[in-house]
Amino acid sequence: MREKAIALLKELTEAHGAPGFEDEVRSIFAQELAGAGDLSTDGNGSVFCEQGELGPRVLLAGHMDEVAFRVQNITPDGFIQFVTLGGWWSHTLLAQRVEVRTRDGRKILGVVSSKPPHFLPESERQRVMPAEQMFIDVGAASRKELEASIGIRIGDPIVPLTPFSPMADEHLFMAKAFDNRVGMACAIQASQELKGVECPNTLIACGTVQEEVGVRGATTAAVQAQPDVCIVLEGTPADDTPGFNRSASQGMMGEGVQIRMQDPTAIMNPALVDLCVGVARDCGIRHQLALRSSGGTDARAFHLSGRGVPTIVLGVPSRYIHSHNSIIDIRDYLSMVELAVALIRKLDRATVDSLTDYL
C-alpha cells in the first residue's frame, strides 16, 4: 500500500484544484474508483462513489480543493493582479512560483512579485506586505500579449507550483496541497480496499468542493449523500516545530493519525469518538487525540445536515499547510487509511443507531 499511496499522493498534489476548479482532482477520483461503485456528482461538482445497498449510510469525505488564487485584473503592462482563495498568510507568498491555468487548459508559469525592497522606505520593509499589493509576473510585455498570445483572462485560477518530493528521511514527503489531498487519497484507497468486502453498511466516498472558501461543497454534498454517519478526512496543521510546547502538541508528525474531538465549528459525537479510539486501540493503530481551539473542516456542514449526523474528523498532521510547501510523514497517512477502513467495518445498524441513543 505504501508505494501505491506515494504514487497517488504525487498525482493528487501535483494536480490543479483551486476552489471552484477542482476538475483535475475529480477526474483522478473518478478514474481510481471506476468500477468500485456508482459514480455521481452534485450540482456544485462534489463527486461520490457509492458501494453497497444495505445498512446505514456511511459518508467518507475529503475536500478536493486547495488554497489558491484567481486572476482579478491585468495591468496595461501585462502584470496579473490576483485575489486569494482560502486562508493565505502573506508572509509565505513573495517570490514563489505559481501556475495560471487558461480556459483551454494551458498552464502558464509565473512568480508572485512586488515592488522590490530596495525601493521601499524603511517603514514598509519592516511590515508584512498584504497580498493586495503583490502581483504575478508571467513574462508578458502587455495586457494584449497576455490575453491574445498567452491566453490568460480575468477569472483564470492560479495554484502554487510545487513538485511532490521525497525528503532525506524516507518517511517524509514535501508537496503543495496536502491539505487536503491526503484526505482525497485516503477516501480513494479506503474505498479500493473495501471493494468486494462484505460490510454492514453502504459506503459513500466523497470529494467535496470549495471547503477552503467556506465549507460550501459539503453543504450540498450532505443533501445528496444523506449520511447516517460521517468520517471527514483532513490534512491538519502540525504543531511539532520550534515555538510550540511539545508536551502539549496534539499534531505531531510520526505519531499516527489524529482523531479530532472538537474545533470551533464542530464538537464531534462523543460516542463516535469513543468508538473510533477503541477501534484504533484494538487494532494497534498509532493515533493521537486533538481538541482544537482554531480552524474548522467540512464537519461543520455535515454534522448539522438533516436531523444531525454523528461526525468524526481523522487527520494527517502536516507541517506548513496553506503555503507552497507542506510536509507529511507517510506513516501517519497509512494509519489514517487503516483506521478509516477498520472503523467503517464496525458501523453496522445497531452501532450507528447507538451513536444517537440519547434517552
Protein backbone atom coordinates (compact mmCIF):
# COMPACT_ATOMS: atom_id res chain seq x y z
CA MET A 1 0.00 0.00 0.00
CA ARG A 2 2.88 2.39 0.74
CA GLU A 3 4.11 2.60 -2.87
CA LYS A 4 0.57 2.97 -4.20
CA ALA A 5 -0.03 5.70 -1.61
CA ILE A 6 3.09 7.61 -2.64
CA ALA A 7 2.18 7.43 -6.33
CA LEU A 8 -1.39 8.53 -5.65
CA LEU A 9 -0.32 11.41 -3.41
CA LYS A 10 2.12 12.60 -6.07
CA GLU A 11 -0.60 12.61 -8.72
CA LEU A 12 -3.12 14.33 -6.46
CA THR A 13 -0.84 17.00 -5.01
CA GLU A 14 0.54 17.99 -8.41
CA ALA A 15 -2.98 18.35 -9.84
CA HIS A 16 -4.66 21.76 -10.00
CA GLY A 17 -7.57 22.16 -7.60
CA ALA A 18 -8.38 25.79 -6.89
CA PRO A 19 -11.77 26.24 -5.19
CA GLY A 20 -14.43 26.05 -7.88
CA PHE A 21 -11.94 24.48 -10.32
CA GLU A 22 -11.44 21.00 -8.86
CA ASP A 23 -11.91 19.12 -12.14
CA GLU A 24 -8.40 17.58 -12.29
CA VAL A 25 -8.77 16.14 -8.79
CA ARG A 26 -12.30 14.98 -9.54
CA SER A 27 -11.04 13.16 -12.64
CA ILE A 28 -8.41 11.31 -10.60
CA PHE A 29 -11.07 10.27 -8.07
CA ALA A 30 -13.36 9.00 -10.84
CA GLN A 31 -10.55 7.17 -12.62
CA GLU A 32 -9.30 5.48 -9.45
CA LEU A 33 -12.78 4.37 -8.34
CA ALA A 34 -14.20 3.40 -11.73
CA GLY A 35 -15.80 0.01 -11.17
CA ALA A 36 -15.66 0.27 -7.39
CA GLY A 37 -19.19 1.66 -7.10
CA ASP A 38 -21.71 4.03 -8.60
CA LEU A 39 -20.17 7.39 -9.50
CA SER A 40 -22.16 10.62 -9.39
CA THR A 41 -21.81 14.35 -8.79
CA ASP A 42 -23.98 17.05 -7.27
CA GLY A 43 -24.83 20.44 -8.73
CA ASN A 44 -21.71 22.11 -7.31
CA GLY A 45 -19.29 19.45 -8.52
CA SER A 46 -18.70 17.32 -5.43
CA VAL A 47 -18.14 13.71 -6.51
CA PHE A 48 -19.39 10.46 -4.96
CA CYS A 49 -18.69 6.73 -5.24
CA GLU A 50 -21.36 4.60 -3.58
CA GLN A 51 -20.70 0.96 -2.65
CA GLY A 52 -23.35 -1.37 -1.26
CA GLU A 53 -27.09 -1.05 -0.87
CA LEU A 54 -27.89 -2.08 2.69
CA GLY A 55 -27.42 -0.79 6.21
CA PRO A 56 -26.57 2.69 7.44
CA ARG A 57 -25.13 5.19 5.00
CA VAL A 58 -21.50 5.97 5.89
CA LEU A 59 -20.00 9.06 4.27
CA LEU A 60 -16.20 9.11 3.90
CA ALA A 61 -15.38 12.64 2.79
CA GLY A 62 -12.35 14.75 1.94
CA HIS A 63 -12.30 18.09 0.16
CA MET A 64 -10.73 18.32 -3.29
CA ASP A 65 -9.79 22.00 -3.31
CA GLU A 66 -6.63 23.74 -2.11
CA VAL A 67 -5.80 27.30 -1.10
CA ALA A 68 -5.16 29.14 -4.34
CA PHE A 69 -5.61 32.41 -6.25
CA ARG A 70 -7.59 33.86 -9.15
CA VAL A 71 -6.84 36.48 -11.78
CA GLN A 72 -8.67 39.66 -10.77
CA ASN A 73 -7.16 42.16 -13.19
CA ILE A 74 -4.42 42.54 -15.81
CA THR A 75 -2.41 45.76 -15.91
CA PRO A 76 -1.68 47.51 -19.23
CA ASP A 77 1.94 46.34 -18.99
CA GLY A 78 0.99 42.68 -18.54
CA PHE A 79 1.13 42.00 -14.81
CA ILE A 80 -1.57 39.98 -13.05
CA GLN A 81 -3.39 41.30 -10.01
CA PHE A 82 -4.99 38.49 -8.06
CA VAL A 83 -7.33 37.60 -5.21
CA THR A 84 -6.64 34.84 -2.72
CA LEU A 85 -8.91 31.81 -2.44
CA GLY A 86 -8.76 30.49 1.10
CA GLY A 87 -6.60 31.39 4.06
CA TRP A 88 -3.18 32.57 2.93
CA TRP A 89 -0.57 34.09 5.23
CA SER A 90 1.10 36.70 3.04
CA HIS A 91 4.49 36.04 4.69
CA THR A 92 4.68 32.92 2.53
CA LEU A 93 3.83 34.36 -0.89
CA LEU A 94 6.60 36.56 -2.29
CA ALA A 95 9.00 35.05 -4.86
CA GLN A 96 7.01 31.79 -5.01
CA ARG A 97 6.25 30.06 -8.30
CA VAL A 98 2.67 29.61 -9.45
CA GLU A 99 0.81 28.27 -12.47
CA VAL A 100 -2.08 30.05 -14.14
CA ARG A 101 -4.48 27.68 -15.91
CA THR A 102 -6.05 29.17 -19.01
CA ARG A 103 -9.53 28.43 -20.37
CA ASP A 104 -8.05 25.97 -22.87
CA GLY A 105 -6.09 24.12 -20.17
CA ARG A 106 -2.61 25.52 -20.71
CA LYS A 107 -0.55 26.05 -17.56
CA ILE A 108 1.50 29.23 -17.54
CA LEU A 109 4.45 29.68 -15.19
CA GLY A 110 4.54 32.83 -13.08
CA VAL A 111 6.10 34.25 -9.93
CA VAL A 112 4.48 36.22 -7.12
CA SER A 113 6.21 39.61 -7.05
CA SER A 114 6.08 43.09 -5.56
CA LYS A 115 7.93 46.35 -5.58
CA PRO A 116 11.50 45.37 -4.59
CA PRO A 117 12.62 46.15 -1.02
CA HIS A 118 15.44 48.28 -2.46
CA PHE A 119 12.82 50.86 -3.43
CA LEU A 120 10.72 50.73 -0.27
CA PRO A 121 11.07 53.13 2.65
CA GLU A 122 12.39 51.51 5.83
CA SER A 123 8.95 51.60 7.48
CA GLU A 124 7.45 49.48 4.68
CA ARG A 125 10.32 46.99 4.61
CA GLN A 126 9.66 46.04 8.22
CA ARG A 127 5.97 45.22 7.84
CA VAL A 128 4.20 42.28 6.27
CA MET A 129 3.20 43.17 2.73
CA PRO A 130 -0.50 42.49 2.10
CA ALA A 131 -1.37 40.25 -0.83
CA GLU A 132 -3.31 43.13 -2.38
CA GLN A 133 0.00 44.89 -3.07
CA MET A 134 1.50 41.87 -4.83
CA PHE A 135 1.21 40.82 -8.45
CA ILE A 136 2.13 37.86 -10.63
CA ASP A 137 4.71 38.16 -13.39
CA VAL A 138 4.42 35.64 -16.24
CA GLY A 139 6.87 37.41 -18.52
CA ALA A 140 4.34 39.27 -20.67
CA ALA A 141 5.06 42.74 -22.03
CA SER A 142 1.46 43.94 -22.24
CA ARG A 143 -2.14 43.08 -21.45
CA LYS A 144 -2.71 42.45 -25.14
CA GLU A 145 0.07 39.86 -25.23
CA LEU A 146 -1.15 38.23 -22.04
CA GLU A 147 -4.70 37.86 -23.33
CA ALA A 148 -4.21 37.30 -27.06
CA SER A 149 -0.96 35.33 -27.25
CA ILE A 150 -0.70 33.63 -23.86
CA GLY A 151 -4.44 33.23 -23.34
CA ILE A 152 -4.77 34.38 -19.72
CA ARG A 153 -8.02 36.13 -18.87
CA ILE A 154 -9.71 37.59 -15.81
CA GLY A 155 -11.13 34.77 -13.70
CA ASP A 156 -8.48 32.15 -14.51
CA PRO A 157 -7.45 30.02 -11.50
CA ILE A 158 -3.89 30.02 -10.14
CA VAL A 159 -2.24 27.42 -7.89
CA PRO A 160 1.22 27.02 -6.33
CA LEU A 161 3.80 25.22 -8.45
CA THR A 162 5.49 22.67 -6.20
CA PRO A 163 6.68 19.19 -7.17
CA PHE A 164 5.98 16.21 -4.92
CA SER A 165 9.39 15.42 -3.43
CA PRO A 166 10.85 12.78 -1.07
CA MET A 167 12.95 14.15 1.76
CA ALA A 168 16.11 12.88 3.47
CA ASP A 169 14.03 10.82 5.89
CA GLU A 170 12.42 8.04 3.83
CA HIS A 171 9.09 8.56 5.58
CA LEU A 172 8.78 12.30 4.88
CA PHE A 173 7.47 13.97 1.72
CA MET A 174 7.06 17.59 0.67
CA ALA A 175 4.38 18.92 -1.68
CA LYS A 176 1.69 21.52 -2.04
CA ALA A 177 -1.91 20.81 -1.09
CA PHE A 178 -1.50 18.01 1.43
CA ASP A 179 -4.49 19.95 2.79
CA ASN A 180 -6.39 18.15 1.56
CA ARG A 181 -5.07 15.68 -0.99
CA VAL A 182 -4.23 13.33 1.90
CA GLY A 183 -7.97 13.21 2.59
CA MET A 184 -8.77 12.56 -1.05
CA ALA A 185 -6.15 9.82 -1.30
CA CYS A 186 -7.50 8.17 1.85
CA ALA A 187 -11.08 8.23 0.57
CA ILE A 188 -9.87 6.57 -2.63
CA GLN A 189 -7.63 3.95 -1.02
CA ALA A 190 -10.10 3.02 1.71
CA SER A 191 -12.82 2.54 -0.91
CA GLN A 192 -10.50 0.43 -3.04
CA GLU A 193 -9.58 -1.72 -0.04
CA LEU A 194 -13.25 -2.29 0.79
CA LYS A 195 -14.29 -3.09 -2.78
CA GLY A 196 -15.87 -6.54 -2.77
CA VAL A 197 -15.61 -6.81 1.01
CA GLU A 198 -18.84 -7.58 2.84
CA CYS A 199 -19.57 -4.53 5.00
CA PRO A 200 -22.63 -3.91 7.20
CA ASN A 201 -23.32 -0.57 5.56
CA THR A 202 -23.45 1.48 2.39
CA LEU A 203 -20.19 3.36 1.89
CA ILE A 204 -20.19 6.70 0.06
CA ALA A 205 -16.71 8.03 -0.68
CA CYS A 206 -16.87 11.73 -1.48
CA GLY A 207 -14.68 14.55 -2.70
CA THR A 208 -16.21 17.90 -1.81
CA VAL A 209 -15.60 21.24 -3.49
CA GLN A 210 -14.87 24.69 -2.07
CA GLU A 211 -14.03 23.79 1.54
CA GLU A 212 -11.29 26.41 1.69
CA VAL A 213 -13.71 29.24 0.91
CA GLY A 214 -16.41 28.42 3.43
CA VAL A 215 -17.31 24.71 3.51
CA ARG A 216 -19.65 25.24 0.58
CA GLY A 217 -19.39 21.88 -1.15
CA ALA A 218 -20.09 19.88 2.00
CA THR A 219 -23.37 21.72 2.45
CA THR A 220 -24.83 20.35 -0.78
CA ALA A 221 -22.90 17.05 -0.64
CA ALA A 222 -24.73 16.21 2.57
CA VAL A 223 -28.06 16.66 0.81
CA GLN A 224 -27.06 14.25 -1.95
CA ALA A 225 -25.35 11.64 0.24
CA GLN A 226 -27.97 11.59 3.04
CA PRO A 227 -25.48 10.08 5.52
CA ASP A 228 -26.29 8.40 8.82
CA VAL A 229 -22.70 8.87 9.99
CA CYS A 230 -19.78 10.82 8.57
CA ILE A 231 -15.99 10.42 8.63
CA VAL A 232 -14.18 13.58 7.49
CA LEU A 233 -10.60 13.15 6.26
CA GLU A 234 -8.19 16.09 6.52
CA GLY A 235 -4.64 17.35 6.28
CA THR A 236 -4.39 19.07 9.66
CA PRO A 237 -1.80 21.58 10.90
CA ALA A 238 1.13 20.02 12.75
CA ASP A 239 2.25 21.64 16.00
CA ASP A 240 5.64 19.99 16.46
CA THR A 241 8.07 22.67 15.22
CA PRO A 242 10.12 25.26 17.16
CA GLY A 243 7.90 27.66 19.07
CA PHE A 244 5.49 25.01 20.32
CA ASN A 245 5.39 23.35 23.72
CA ARG A 246 5.88 19.80 22.50
CA SER A 247 4.45 18.36 25.72
CA ALA A 248 1.12 19.92 24.70
CA SER A 249 1.34 19.07 20.99
CA GLN A 250 -1.60 17.18 19.51
CA GLY A 251 -0.50 17.05 15.87
CA MET A 252 2.99 15.56 15.81
CA MET A 253 4.34 14.04 12.62
CA GLY A 254 5.18 10.37 13.04
CA GLU A 255 2.76 9.85 15.93
CA GLY A 256 -0.05 8.45 13.82
CA VAL A 257 -3.48 9.52 12.63
CA GLN A 258 -5.03 12.43 14.51
CA ILE A 259 -8.53 11.91 15.91
CA ARG A 260 -10.10 15.34 16.31
CA MET A 261 -12.61 15.68 19.13
CA GLN A 262 -13.53 19.34 18.71
CA ASP A 263 -12.79 22.59 16.91
CA PRO A 264 -14.66 25.92 16.81
CA THR A 265 -17.02 24.64 14.10
CA ALA A 266 -17.92 21.18 15.41
CA ILE A 267 -18.00 19.16 18.62
CA MET A 268 -17.68 15.58 17.42
CA ASN A 269 -20.21 12.99 18.53
CA PRO A 270 -18.75 11.65 21.83
CA ALA A 271 -19.89 8.08 21.27
CA LEU A 272 -18.33 8.09 17.80
CA VAL A 273 -15.08 9.47 19.22
CA ASP A 274 -15.02 6.69 21.82
CA LEU A 275 -15.76 4.08 19.17
CA CYS A 276 -13.00 5.43 16.92
CA VAL A 277 -10.43 5.47 19.73
CA GLY A 278 -11.45 1.96 20.76
CA VAL A 279 -11.04 0.65 17.21
CA ALA A 280 -7.61 2.27 16.97
CA ARG A 281 -6.51 0.69 20.24
CA ASP A 282 -7.93 -2.73 19.41
CA CYS A 283 -6.21 -2.71 16.00
CA GLY A 284 -2.92 -1.35 17.32
CA ILE A 285 -3.16 1.73 15.10
CA ARG A 286 -0.94 4.58 16.24
CA HIS A 287 -3.07 7.64 16.90
CA GLN A 288 -3.23 10.95 18.74
CA LEU A 289 -6.16 12.96 20.09
CA ALA A 290 -6.74 16.63 19.32
CA LEU A 291 -9.04 19.27 20.73
CA ARG A 292 -8.52 22.36 18.60
CA SER A 293 -9.22 25.97 19.59
CA SER A 294 -8.96 27.21 16.00
CA GLY A 295 -9.70 26.05 12.48
CA GLY A 296 -12.54 24.03 11.02
CA THR A 297 -13.39 21.38 8.44
CA ASP A 298 -16.26 20.05 6.36
CA ALA A 299 -17.54 18.54 9.62
CA ARG A 300 -19.18 21.91 10.22
CA ALA A 301 -21.69 21.29 7.46
CA PHE A 302 -22.02 17.53 7.73
CA HIS A 303 -22.83 17.33 11.44
CA LEU A 304 -25.55 19.98 11.04
CA SER A 305 -27.18 18.41 7.98
CA GLY A 306 -30.62 16.83 8.02
CA ARG A 307 -31.63 15.94 11.57
CA GLY A 308 -27.98 15.98 12.65
CA VAL A 309 -25.26 13.49 11.67
CA PRO A 310 -22.70 11.88 14.03
CA THR A 311 -19.36 13.03 12.64
CA ILE A 312 -15.67 12.44 13.32
CA VAL A 313 -12.55 14.03 11.79
CA LEU A 314 -9.43 11.98 11.06
CA GLY A 315 -6.32 13.91 10.12
CA VAL A 316 -2.73 13.61 8.95
CA PRO A 317 -0.55 16.17 10.77
CA SER A 318 1.01 18.33 8.06
CA ARG A 319 3.66 20.98 8.58
CA TYR A 320 3.27 24.37 6.88
CA ILE A 321 -0.17 23.86 5.31
CA HIS A 322 -1.71 26.81 3.47
CA SER A 323 1.66 27.51 1.87
CA HIS A 324 3.57 26.36 -1.20
CA ASN A 325 5.41 23.62 0.70
CA SER A 326 3.93 21.25 3.26
CA ILE A 327 5.40 18.09 4.78
CA ILE A 328 3.85 14.82 5.96
CA ASP A 329 5.03 11.51 7.37
CA ILE A 330 3.66 8.78 5.12
CA ARG A 331 3.20 6.51 8.14
CA ASP A 332 0.61 8.91 9.56
CA TYR A 333 -1.27 8.77 6.26
CA LEU A 334 -1.21 4.97 6.19
CA SER A 335 -2.52 4.87 9.76
CA MET A 336 -5.42 7.10 8.68
CA VAL A 337 -6.32 4.70 5.87
CA GLU A 338 -6.08 1.73 8.25
CA LEU A 339 -8.28 3.39 10.87
CA ALA A 340 -10.86 4.55 8.33
CA VAL A 341 -11.21 1.02 6.95
CA ALA A 342 -11.41 -0.59 10.39
CA LEU A 343 -13.97 1.95 11.62
CA ILE A 344 -16.17 1.55 8.55
CA ARG A 345 -16.30 -2.21 9.07
CA LYS A 346 -17.65 -1.65 12.59
CA LEU A 347 -20.50 0.64 11.56
CA ASP A 348 -23.50 -1.67 11.42
CA ARG A 349 -27.07 -0.52 12.01
CA ALA A 350 -27.08 -1.19 15.75
CA THR A 351 -23.79 0.62 16.27
CA VAL A 352 -24.82 3.65 14.23
CA ASP A 353 -28.19 3.84 15.98
CA SER A 354 -26.43 3.74 19.35
CA LEU A 355 -24.47 6.90 18.48
CA THR A 356 -27.66 8.94 18.82
CA ASP A 357 -29.35 6.99 21.61
CA TYR A 358 -29.73 9.97 23.90
CA LEU A 359 -32.64 8.74 26.06
